[in-house]
Each structure stands twice: as structure tokens, then as C-alpha cells.
């Protein structure tokens, strides 16, 4: 019933549904044919499969069933039902809508699931059912269709779970884990690369300033700790503060090396200012 109210056309004693999914077209035609003891024709166009029920008796019975179960008005295209109390009915409706009007983008390109429904009343009802399942959705109107969409990976996974698409859910969860791991690795690599660049720039600046200090005033006037630090930096411009501290005798912590090097940079800058006066 969900597939019919969300996607079917009604008029002149006939009902038709167009779908791009061959398997769904065959399954729905078989189900409707069995329920209403009639032939449901399936025509294959260039892109879509169109199911049609043209027998007046079967059509009238179908419309009557839709009115009784959902309060569906085939002329206005409206639904009177507001919610399902039973979880099984709620999920069966969502499953039918997804089979008839749903699509999911390739997860590697982005997370996006949408339900493109023909009727606004069916779209509003579907959005309410999703909310009752704890699934957030958005709405837009596109080319005459009322589109309910979900754009967050975990929410799409939850939708697949409640609609019984367990295989697809597990596949999506696996892809989400892989994507998350790749993103984490990229962040670590980018962070490491940024740290290496920062260390190299800082080391080169300190080496240059200490060289100026050595050329202008020498290093002999410096206290022992600063003189040893200056020589270590001149010889190892690529080392981080931690690595530089580890080669000191005795070893010096990162904060200690930072303090020494800031002193050396300050002395070098003061020397440069004196030269330019």
C-alpha cells in the first residue's frame, strides 16, 4: 500500500506505477495480481518499468482498500491517517516507500538517501514516521515530486535497519568505518607534515639568528648553557625542541630548550638593532 500511495497514478479506472527497479516491478506486480486476482501488466521503457492495473473491478477494490487502511482519497491524493501505533506497520510502510521511490548515493561520494514521492500528503506522513523512528530528515520539492532526504551516514544506516535492509546496512557501516579510518590517517599525516614544516621553519630561523650573533659578537660571552644550546642548534637546524634537548648533557626538557632558544633569539635581535643604529 505504501508503494501505491507514494508513487501511483490514478484515473479513468486505472492505476499505474513507474519504477527504475526491475526486481521491485516484478515483485509488486506479482503481489497486486495475487491480492486482487487480476493481471498487472509490466511495460519496459527506455529507463522505467511501468506497472498498470486496468481492470475496473480490481481498481475499485484497490481504491477501497487504500481508503479503509490509510484514509486515502485517490482524487485529491490525500491521506487521513496520521500515525501508526504498531512498529511493524510503521516500518512496513517505510519499506514500501523506499522500494517504490527510494535511492541511495554511492557512500564514497557522500551520504545521501532520498524518497521522491508523488504526493505531498504521503511525503508528510513518511516524514512523521521517520521522526517516530528517531531518524532526522529534510524536505524539498523537485520537478513536481516531494522529496524526503537523509544526509547523515548513521541516520541512513538506521533507516536501512528499520526497513529490513540488513545486508545493505552492514555494507554501509563497513564503508563508513573505512572512510573514517582513511580520514583519521589523512589528518594524522597532514598534522605530522605541518609539524615537520613548522619545526624546519623555526630551526632555520633560529640557526640564522644565532649565526648573526656569532658573527657579530661571538658566542664566548654567553653563559655555558646558552653557548652549548647555540652550538647544538647551529649543527642541528632540523631537530625539534624535544630532540635537541635529548642531545644535551645532561638532557634538557622541551620547555627548557624553548626558554634557552628564546633568550638566544632575543640577544641576536638586540645585536642586529645595535648594528643598524
C-alpha atoms as a PDB file:
ATOM      1  CA  UNK A   1       0.000   0.000   0.000  1.00  0.00           C
ATOM      2  CA  UNK A   2       2.853   2.383   0.785  1.00  0.00           C
ATOM      3  CA  UNK A   3       4.278   1.898  -2.709  1.00  0.00           C
ATOM      4  CA  UNK A   4       0.914   2.655  -4.298  1.00  0.00           C
ATOM      5  CA  UNK A   5       0.031   5.812  -2.333  1.00  0.00           C
ATOM      6  CA  UNK A   6       3.553   7.203  -2.709  1.00  0.00           C
ATOM      7  CA  UNK A   7       4.086   6.583  -6.416  1.00  0.00           C
ATOM      8  CA  UNK A   8       0.928   5.515  -8.301  1.00  0.00           C
ATOM      9  CA  UNK A   9      -1.189   7.492 -10.738  1.00  0.00           C
ATOM     10  CA  UNK A  10      -4.975   7.066 -10.586  1.00  0.00           C
ATOM     11  CA  UNK A  11      -7.553   7.967 -13.210  1.00  0.00           C
ATOM     12  CA  UNK A  12     -10.260   6.628 -15.522  1.00  0.00           C
ATOM     13  CA  UNK A  13     -10.494   3.357 -13.635  1.00  0.00           C
ATOM     14  CA  UNK A  14      -6.809   2.503 -13.930  1.00  0.00           C
ATOM     15  CA  UNK A  15      -3.713   2.667 -11.758  1.00  0.00           C
ATOM     16  CA  UNK A  16      -0.090   2.812 -12.902  1.00  0.00           C
ATOM     17  CA  UNK A  17       3.307   2.948 -11.173  1.00  0.00           C
ATOM     18  CA  UNK A  18       6.655   3.720 -12.824  1.00  0.00           C
ATOM     19  CA  UNK A  19       9.899   2.464 -11.289  1.00  0.00           C
ATOM     20  CA  UNK A  20      13.515   2.068 -12.351  1.00  0.00           C
ATOM     21  CA  UNK A  21      13.922  -1.175 -10.403  1.00  0.00           C
ATOM     22  CA  UNK A  22      13.144  -4.339 -12.326  1.00  0.00           C
ATOM     23  CA  UNK A  23      13.093  -6.567  -9.252  1.00  0.00           C
ATOM     24  CA  UNK A  24      10.635  -4.296  -7.474  1.00  0.00           C
ATOM     25  CA  UNK A  25       8.415  -4.051 -10.561  1.00  0.00           C
ATOM     26  CA  UNK A  26       8.210  -7.849 -10.817  1.00  0.00           C
ATOM     27  CA  UNK A  27       7.578  -8.292  -7.093  1.00  0.00           C
ATOM     28  CA  UNK A  28       4.876  -5.626  -6.871  1.00  0.00           C
ATOM     29  CA  UNK A  29       3.057  -6.826  -9.988  1.00  0.00           C
ATOM     30  CA  UNK A  30       3.041 -10.349  -8.589  1.00  0.00           C
ATOM     31  CA  UNK A  31       1.750  -9.214  -5.180  1.00  0.00           C
ATOM     32  CA  UNK A  32      -1.012  -6.971  -6.575  1.00  0.00           C
ATOM     33  CA  UNK A  33      -2.029  -9.593  -9.122  1.00  0.00           C
ATOM     34  CA  UNK A  34      -2.365 -12.198  -6.376  1.00  0.00           C
ATOM     35  CA  UNK A  35      -4.227  -9.923  -3.938  1.00  0.00           C
ATOM     36  CA  UNK A  36      -6.757  -8.639  -6.489  1.00  0.00           C
ATOM     37  CA  UNK A  37      -6.892 -11.702  -8.759  1.00  0.00           C
ATOM     38  CA  UNK A  38      -6.055  -9.706 -11.852  1.00  0.00           C
ATOM     39  CA  UNK A  39      -3.317  -9.272 -14.410  1.00  0.00           C
ATOM     40  CA  UNK A  40      -0.900  -6.443 -13.672  1.00  0.00           C
ATOM     41  CA  UNK A  41       0.895  -5.587 -16.877  1.00  0.00           C
ATOM     42  CA  UNK A  42       4.544  -4.505 -16.853  1.00  0.00           C
ATOM     43  CA  UNK A  43       5.896  -2.432 -19.735  1.00  0.00           C
ATOM     44  CA  UNK A  44       9.612  -1.733 -20.050  1.00  0.00           C
ATOM     45  CA  UNK A  45      10.500   1.686 -21.472  1.00  0.00           C
ATOM     46  CA  UNK A  46      13.933   3.149 -22.146  1.00  0.00           C
ATOM     47  CA  UNK A  47      14.579   3.747 -18.441  1.00  0.00           C
ATOM     48  CA  UNK A  48      11.497   2.788 -16.421  1.00  0.00           C
ATOM     49  CA  UNK A  49       9.230  -0.180 -15.812  1.00  0.00           C
ATOM     50  CA  UNK A  50       5.541   0.759 -15.727  1.00  0.00           C
ATOM     51  CA  UNK A  51       3.004  -1.402 -13.884  1.00  0.00           C
ATOM     52  CA  UNK A  52      -0.649  -0.976 -14.828  1.00  0.00           C
ATOM     53  CA  UNK A  53      -3.938  -2.245 -13.426  1.00  0.00           C
ATOM     54  CA  UNK A  54      -6.697  -1.629 -15.985  1.00  0.00           C
ATOM     55  CA  UNK A  55      -9.451  -3.944 -14.740  1.00  0.00           C
ATOM     56  CA  UNK A  56     -12.237  -1.838 -13.231  1.00  0.00           C
ATOM     57  CA  UNK A  57     -13.186  -4.340 -10.530  1.00  0.00           C
ATOM     58  CA  UNK A  58      -9.612  -4.731  -9.302  1.00  0.00           C
ATOM     59  CA  UNK A  59      -9.103  -0.975  -9.468  1.00  0.00           C
ATOM     60  CA  UNK A  60     -12.207  -0.270  -7.378  1.00  0.00           C
ATOM     61  CA  UNK A  61     -11.179  -2.864  -4.785  1.00  0.00           C
ATOM     62  CA  UNK A  62      -7.690  -1.374  -4.562  1.00  0.00           C
ATOM     63  CA  UNK A  63      -9.019   2.164  -4.088  1.00  0.00           C
ATOM     64  CA  UNK A  64     -11.445   0.919  -1.445  1.00  0.00           C
ATOM     65  CA  UNK A  65      -8.662  -0.874   0.455  1.00  0.00           C
ATOM     66  CA  UNK A  66      -6.496   2.241   0.377  1.00  0.00           C
ATOM     67  CA  UNK A  67      -9.359   4.356   1.707  1.00  0.00           C
ATOM     68  CA  UNK A  68     -10.067   1.898   4.540  1.00  0.00           C
ATOM     69  CA  UNK A  69      -6.448   1.388   5.616  1.00  0.00           C
ATOM     70  CA  UNK A  70      -4.993   4.863   5.075  1.00  0.00           C
ATOM     71  CA  UNK A  71      -7.932   7.176   4.534  1.00  0.00           C
ATOM     72  CA  UNK A  72      -6.607   7.683   1.004  1.00  0.00           C
ATOM     73  CA  UNK A  73      -8.579   9.825  -1.440  1.00  0.00           C
ATOM     74  CA  UNK A  74      -7.495   8.852  -4.967  1.00  0.00           C
ATOM     75  CA  UNK A  75      -8.985  12.050  -6.435  1.00  0.00           C
ATOM     76  CA  UNK A  76      -7.385  14.556  -4.049  1.00  0.00           C
ATOM     77  CA  UNK A  77      -4.347  12.392  -3.336  1.00  0.00           C
ATOM     78  CA  UNK A  78      -4.707  12.985   0.407  1.00  0.00           C
ATOM     79  CA  UNK A  79      -4.225  10.724   3.436  1.00  0.00           C
ATOM     80  CA  UNK A  80      -6.309  10.947   6.593  1.00  0.00           C
ATOM     81  CA  UNK A  81      -4.125   8.652   8.690  1.00  0.00           C
ATOM     82  CA  UNK A  82      -1.723  10.496  10.989  1.00  0.00           C
ATOM     83  CA  UNK A  83       0.391   7.770  12.578  1.00  0.00           C
ATOM     84  CA  UNK A  84       0.840   4.041  13.101  1.00  0.00           C
ATOM     85  CA  UNK A  85       0.759   2.756  16.658  1.00  0.00           C
ATOM     86  CA  UNK A  86       2.345  -0.566  15.711  1.00  0.00           C
ATOM     87  CA  UNK A  87       6.071  -0.541  14.974  1.00  0.00           C
ATOM     88  CA  UNK A  88       5.728  -3.336  12.399  1.00  0.00           C
ATOM     89  CA  UNK A  89       3.184  -1.318  10.360  1.00  0.00           C
ATOM     90  CA  UNK A  90       5.305   1.820  10.554  1.00  0.00           C
ATOM     91  CA  UNK A  91       8.385   0.028   9.322  1.00  0.00           C
ATOM     92  CA  UNK A  92       6.489  -1.870   6.622  1.00  0.00           C
ATOM     93  CA  UNK A  93       5.206   1.452   5.257  1.00  0.00           C
ATOM     94  CA  UNK A  94       8.698   2.943   5.189  1.00  0.00           C
ATOM     95  CA  UNK A  95       9.999  -0.191   3.474  1.00  0.00           C
ATOM     96  CA  UNK A  96       7.328   0.066   0.778  1.00  0.00           C
ATOM     97  CA  UNK A  97       8.048   3.742   0.153  1.00  0.00           C
ATOM     98  CA  UNK A  98      11.780   3.055  -0.111  1.00  0.00           C
ATOM     99  CA  UNK A  99      11.275   0.209  -2.603  1.00  0.00           C
ATOM    100  CA  UNK A 100       8.966   2.342  -4.741  1.00  0.00           C
ATOM    101  CA  UNK A 101      10.566   5.763  -4.532  1.00  0.00           C
ATOM    102  CA  UNK A 102      13.936   5.489  -2.792  1.00  0.00           C
ATOM    103  CA  UNK A 103      17.534   5.853  -3.889  1.00  0.00           C
ATOM    104  CA  UNK A 104      20.912   5.957  -2.133  1.00  0.00           C
ATOM    105  CA  UNK A 105      24.051   7.681  -3.409  1.00  0.00           C
ATOM    106  CA  UNK A 106      27.364   5.831  -3.501  1.00  0.00           C
ATOM    107  CA  UNK A 107      28.789   6.293   0.041  1.00  0.00           C
ATOM    108  CA  UNK A 108      32.291   7.062  -1.245  1.00  0.00           C
ATOM    109  CA  UNK A 109      30.893  10.224  -2.878  1.00  0.00           C
ATOM    110  CA  UNK A 110      28.799  11.323   0.101  1.00  0.00           C
ATOM    111  CA  UNK A 111      25.942  10.172   2.284  1.00  0.00           C
ATOM    112  CA  UNK A 112      22.547  10.817   0.711  1.00  0.00           C
ATOM    113  CA  UNK A 113      19.309   8.829   0.757  1.00  0.00           C
ATOM    114  CA  UNK A 114      16.116  10.212  -0.694  1.00  0.00           C
ATOM    115  CA  UNK A 115      12.487   9.249  -1.194  1.00  0.00           C
ATOM    116  CA  UNK A 116      10.865  11.007  -4.162  1.00  0.00           C
ATOM    117  CA  UNK A 117       7.102  10.812  -3.615  1.00  0.00           C
ATOM    118  CA  UNK A 118       4.343  11.896  -5.960  1.00  0.00           C
ATOM    119  CA  UNK A 119       2.023  13.184  -3.227  1.00  0.00           C
ATOM    120  CA  UNK A 120       2.700  15.794  -0.544  1.00  0.00           C
ATOM    121  CA  UNK A 121       0.391  14.064   1.935  1.00  0.00           C
ATOM    122  CA  UNK A 122       2.370  10.819   1.573  1.00  0.00           C
ATOM    123  CA  UNK A 123       5.643  12.735   1.997  1.00  0.00           C
ATOM    124  CA  UNK A 124       4.398  14.428   5.174  1.00  0.00           C
ATOM    125  CA  UNK A 125       3.204  11.090   6.567  1.00  0.00           C
ATOM    126  CA  UNK A 126       6.555   9.467   5.728  1.00  0.00           C
ATOM    127  CA  UNK A 127       8.450  12.277   7.480  1.00  0.00           C
ATOM    128  CA  UNK A 128       6.343  11.742  10.609  1.00  0.00           C
ATOM    129  CA  UNK A 129       7.051   8.010  10.585  1.00  0.00           C
ATOM    130  CA  UNK A 130      10.778   8.691  10.260  1.00  0.00           C
ATOM    131  CA  UNK A 131      10.620  11.071  13.210  1.00  0.00           C
ATOM    132  CA  UNK A 132       8.903   8.381  15.297  1.00  0.00           C
ATOM    133  CA  UNK A 133      11.819   6.083  14.445  1.00  0.00           C
ATOM    134  CA  UNK A 134      14.270   8.747  15.626  1.00  0.00           C
ATOM    135  CA  UNK A 135      15.518   9.490  12.101  1.00  0.00           C
ATOM    136  CA  UNK A 136      16.021  13.128  11.065  1.00  0.00           C
ATOM    137  CA  UNK A 137      15.095  14.077   7.503  1.00  0.00           C
ATOM    138  CA  UNK A 138      14.807  17.121   5.260  1.00  0.00           C
ATOM    139  CA  UNK A 139      12.271  18.090   2.619  1.00  0.00           C
ATOM    140  CA  UNK A 140      12.384  19.731  -0.787  1.00  0.00           C
ATOM    141  CA  UNK A 141      10.243  19.872  -3.896  1.00  0.00           C
ATOM    142  CA  UNK A 142      11.857  18.897  -7.189  1.00  0.00           C
ATOM    143  CA  UNK A 143      10.228  18.640 -10.629  1.00  0.00           C
ATOM    144  CA  UNK A 144       6.792  18.006  -9.184  1.00  0.00           C
ATOM    145  CA  UNK A 145       7.989  15.423  -6.657  1.00  0.00           C
ATOM    146  CA  UNK A 146       8.046  15.765  -2.887  1.00  0.00           C
ATOM    147  CA  UNK A 147      11.482  14.612  -1.770  1.00  0.00           C
ATOM    148  CA  UNK A 148      12.314  13.425   1.740  1.00  0.00           C
ATOM    149  CA  UNK A 149      16.086  13.159   2.179  1.00  0.00           C
ATOM    150  CA  UNK A 150      18.607  11.961   4.776  1.00  0.00           C
ATOM    151  CA  UNK A 151      22.213  13.176   4.565  1.00  0.00           C
ATOM    152  CA  UNK A 152      23.951  11.775   7.656  1.00  0.00           C
ATOM    153  CA  UNK A 153      25.628   8.383   7.400  1.00  0.00           C
ATOM    154  CA  UNK A 154      24.470   6.946  10.726  1.00  0.00           C
ATOM    155  CA  UNK A 155      20.897   8.096  10.082  1.00  0.00           C
ATOM    156  CA  UNK A 156      20.917   6.323   6.708  1.00  0.00           C
ATOM    157  CA  UNK A 157      22.230   3.207   8.440  1.00  0.00           C
ATOM    158  CA  UNK A 158      19.377   3.435  10.963  1.00  0.00           C
ATOM    159  CA  UNK A 159      16.866   3.768   8.116  1.00  0.00           C
ATOM    160  CA  UNK A 160      18.224   0.669   6.382  1.00  0.00           C
ATOM    161  CA  UNK A 161      17.979  -1.200   9.680  1.00  0.00           C
ATOM    162  CA  UNK A 162      14.345  -0.329  10.380  1.00  0.00           C
ATOM    163  CA  UNK A 163      13.319  -1.118   6.797  1.00  0.00           C
ATOM    164  CA  UNK A 164      14.917  -4.561   6.965  1.00  0.00           C
ATOM    165  CA  UNK A 165      17.786  -3.916   4.529  1.00  0.00           C
ATOM    166  CA  UNK A 166      20.285  -5.572   6.859  1.00  0.00           C
ATOM    167  CA  UNK A 167      22.804  -6.548   4.179  1.00  0.00           C
ATOM    168  CA  UNK A 168      22.927  -3.018   2.815  1.00  0.00           C
ATOM    169  CA  UNK A 169      23.189  -1.622   6.335  1.00  0.00           C
ATOM    170  CA  UNK A 170      26.208  -3.803   7.141  1.00  0.00           C
ATOM    171  CA  UNK A 171      27.862  -2.864   3.855  1.00  0.00           C
ATOM    172  CA  UNK A 172      27.280   0.838   4.560  1.00  0.00           C
ATOM    173  CA  UNK A 173      28.614   0.504   8.122  1.00  0.00           C
ATOM    174  CA  UNK A 174      31.757  -1.166   6.779  1.00  0.00           C
ATOM    175  CA  UNK A 175      32.280   1.608   4.231  1.00  0.00           C
ATOM    176  CA  UNK A 176      31.715   4.237   6.913  1.00  0.00           C
ATOM    177  CA  UNK A 177      34.372   2.646   9.131  1.00  0.00           C
ATOM    178  CA  UNK A 178      36.836   2.512   6.213  1.00  0.00           C
ATOM    179  CA  UNK A 179      36.130   6.132   5.330  1.00  0.00           C
ATOM    180  CA  UNK A 180      36.531   7.230   8.949  1.00  0.00           C
ATOM    181  CA  UNK A 181      39.868   5.404   9.213  1.00  0.00           C
ATOM    182  CA  UNK A 182      41.131   6.973   5.970  1.00  0.00           C
ATOM    183  CA  UNK A 183      40.123  10.415   7.208  1.00  0.00           C
ATOM    184  CA  UNK A 184      41.875   9.811  10.532  1.00  0.00           C
ATOM    185  CA  UNK A 185      45.055   8.681   8.782  1.00  0.00           C
ATOM    186  CA  UNK A 186      44.948  11.722   6.496  1.00  0.00           C
ATOM    187  CA  UNK A 187      44.514  14.037   9.471  1.00  0.00           C
ATOM    188  CA  UNK A 188      47.496  12.457  11.234  1.00  0.00           C
ATOM    189  CA  UNK A 189      49.628  12.661   8.077  1.00  0.00           C
ATOM    190  CA  UNK A 190      48.643  16.279   7.491  1.00  0.00           C
ATOM    191  CA  UNK A 191      49.310  17.111  11.127  1.00  0.00           C
ATOM    192  CA  UNK A 192      52.725  15.425  11.007  1.00  0.00           C
ATOM    193  CA  UNK A 193      53.551  17.223   7.789  1.00  0.00           C
ATOM    194  CA  UNK A 194      52.534  20.572   9.299  1.00  0.00           C
ATOM    195  CA  UNK A 195      54.638  19.859  12.396  1.00  0.00           C
ATOM    196  CA  UNK A 196      57.667  18.956  10.264  1.00  0.00           C
ATOM    197  CA  UNK A 197      57.275  22.152   8.255  1.00  0.00           C
ATOM    198  CA  UNK A 198      56.903  24.218  11.423  1.00  0.00           C
ATOM    199  CA  UNK A 199      59.993  22.622  13.002  1.00  0.00           C
ATOM    200  CA  UNK A 200      62.037  23.218   9.846  1.00  0.00           C
ATOM    201  CA  UNK A 201      60.997  26.885   9.606  1.00  0.00           C
ATOM    202  CA  UNK A 202      61.639  27.512  13.307  1.00  0.00           C
ATOM    203  CA  UNK A 203      65.002  25.718  13.208  1.00  0.00           C
ATOM    204  CA  UNK A 204      66.138  27.654  10.149  1.00  0.00           C
ATOM    205  CA  UNK A 205      65.137  30.992  11.734  1.00  0.00           C
ATOM    206  CA  UNK A 206      66.953  30.191  14.965  1.00  0.00           C
ATOM    207  CA  UNK A 207      70.053  28.998  13.090  1.00  0.00           C
ATOM    208  CA  UNK A 208      70.124  32.231  11.090  1.00  0.00           C
ATOM    209  CA  UNK A 209      69.794  34.462  14.164  1.00  0.00           C
ATOM    210  CA  UNK A 210      72.433  32.529  16.116  1.00  0.00           C
ATOM    211  CA  UNK A 211      74.775  32.772  13.102  1.00  0.00           C
ATOM    212  CA  UNK A 212      74.318  36.554  13.127  1.00  0.00           C
ATOM    213  CA  UNK A 213      75.039  36.615  16.852  1.00  0.00           C
ATOM    214  CA  UNK A 214      78.192  34.536  16.394  1.00  0.00           C
ATOM    215  CA  UNK A 215      79.462  36.703  13.511  1.00  0.00           C
ATOM    216  CA  UNK A 216      78.886  39.997  15.296  1.00  0.00           C
ATOM    217  CA  UNK A 217      79.580  39.356  18.955  1.00  0.00           C
ATOM    218  CA  UNK A 218      80.795  35.775  19.104  1.00  0.00           C
ATOM    219  CA  UNK A 219      79.433  33.179  21.480  1.00  0.00           C
ATOM    220  CA  UNK A 220      82.176  33.320  24.134  1.00  0.00           C
ATOM    221  CA  UNK A 221      80.330  35.928  26.212  1.00  0.00           C
ATOM    222  CA  UNK A 222      77.318  33.618  26.604  1.00  0.00           C
ATOM    223  CA  UNK A 223      76.723  31.518  29.722  1.00  0.00           C
ATOM    224  CA  UNK A 224      77.686  27.870  29.291  1.00  0.00           C
ATOM    225  CA  UNK A 225      74.101  26.620  28.918  1.00  0.00           C
ATOM    226  CA  UNK A 226      73.268  29.130  26.177  1.00  0.00           C
ATOM    227  CA  UNK A 227      76.574  28.597  24.357  1.00  0.00           C
ATOM    228  CA  UNK A 228      76.065  24.812  24.246  1.00  0.00           C
ATOM    229  CA  UNK A 229      72.470  25.324  23.106  1.00  0.00           C
ATOM    230  CA  UNK A 230      73.555  27.747  20.367  1.00  0.00           C
ATOM    231  CA  UNK A 231      76.133  25.308  19.008  1.00  0.00           C
ATOM    232  CA  UNK A 232      73.628  22.446  19.098  1.00  0.00           C
ATOM    233  CA  UNK A 233      71.097  24.481  17.124  1.00  0.00           C
ATOM    234  CA  UNK A 234      73.687  25.577  14.559  1.00  0.00           C
ATOM    235  CA  UNK A 235      74.637  21.957  13.975  1.00  0.00           C
ATOM    236  CA  UNK A 236      71.071  20.568  14.038  1.00  0.00           C
ATOM    237  CA  UNK A 237      68.587  23.041  12.496  1.00  0.00           C
ATOM    238  CA  UNK A 238      66.185  20.192  11.567  1.00  0.00           C
ATOM    239  CA  UNK A 239      65.723  18.908  15.140  1.00  0.00           C
ATOM    240  CA  UNK A 240      62.614  19.553  17.218  1.00  0.00           C
ATOM    241  CA  UNK A 241      62.918  21.055  20.707  1.00  0.00           C
ATOM    242  CA  UNK A 242      62.445  17.617  22.239  1.00  0.00           C
ATOM    243  CA  UNK A 243      65.165  16.051  20.072  1.00  0.00           C
ATOM    244  CA  UNK A 244      67.528  18.961  20.686  1.00  0.00           C
ATOM    245  CA  UNK A 245      67.030  18.657  24.446  1.00  0.00           C
ATOM    246  CA  UNK A 246      67.812  14.950  24.368  1.00  0.00           C
ATOM    247  CA  UNK A 247      71.334  15.530  22.984  1.00  0.00           C
ATOM    248  CA  UNK A 248      72.202  17.962  25.779  1.00  0.00           C
ATOM    249  CA  UNK A 249      74.462  16.724  28.622  1.00  0.00           C
ATOM    250  CA  UNK A 250      72.593  16.415  30.872  1.00  0.00           C
ATOM    251  CA  UNK A 251      69.343  16.204  28.828  1.00  0.00           C
ATOM    252  CA  UNK A 252      67.036  19.223  28.921  1.00  0.00           C
ATOM    253  CA  UNK A 253      63.246  19.191  28.676  1.00  0.00           C
ATOM    254  CA  UNK A 254      61.281  20.730  25.839  1.00  0.00           C
ATOM    255  CA  UNK A 255      60.246  23.786  27.857  1.00  0.00           C
ATOM    256  CA  UNK A 256      63.829  24.313  28.986  1.00  0.00           C
ATOM    257  CA  UNK A 257      65.139  24.259  25.411  1.00  0.00           C
ATOM    258  CA  UNK A 258      62.394  26.636  24.327  1.00  0.00           C
ATOM    259  CA  UNK A 259      63.385  29.057  27.084  1.00  0.00           C
ATOM    260  CA  UNK A 260      67.089  28.932  26.107  1.00  0.00           C
ATOM    261  CA  UNK A 261      66.417  29.444  22.411  1.00  0.00           C
ATOM    262  CA  UNK A 262      64.077  32.374  23.060  1.00  0.00           C
ATOM    263  CA  UNK A 263      66.884  34.007  25.025  1.00  0.00           C
ATOM    264  CA  UNK A 264      69.312  33.429  22.148  1.00  0.00           C
ATOM    265  CA  UNK A 265      66.850  34.859  19.613  1.00  0.00           C
ATOM    266  CA  UNK A 266      66.328  37.940  21.799  1.00  0.00           C
ATOM    267  CA  UNK A 267      70.091  38.520  22.106  1.00  0.00           C
ATOM    268  CA  UNK A 268      70.534  38.128  18.352  1.00  0.00           C
ATOM    269  CA  UNK A 269      67.748  40.621  17.596  1.00  0.00           C
ATOM    270  CA  UNK A 270      69.212  43.136  20.073  1.00  0.00           C
ATOM    271  CA  UNK A 271      72.598  42.735  18.373  1.00  0.00           C
ATOM    272  CA  UNK A 272      71.012  43.414  14.965  1.00  0.00           C
ATOM    273  CA  UNK A 273      69.318  46.541  16.309  1.00  0.00           C
ATOM    274  CA  UNK A 274      72.660  47.815  17.636  1.00  0.00           C
ATOM    275  CA  UNK A 275      74.293  47.249  14.237  1.00  0.00           C
ATOM    276  CA  UNK A 276      71.656  49.324  12.478  1.00  0.00           C
ATOM    277  CA  UNK A 277      71.762  52.321  14.812  1.00  0.00           C
END
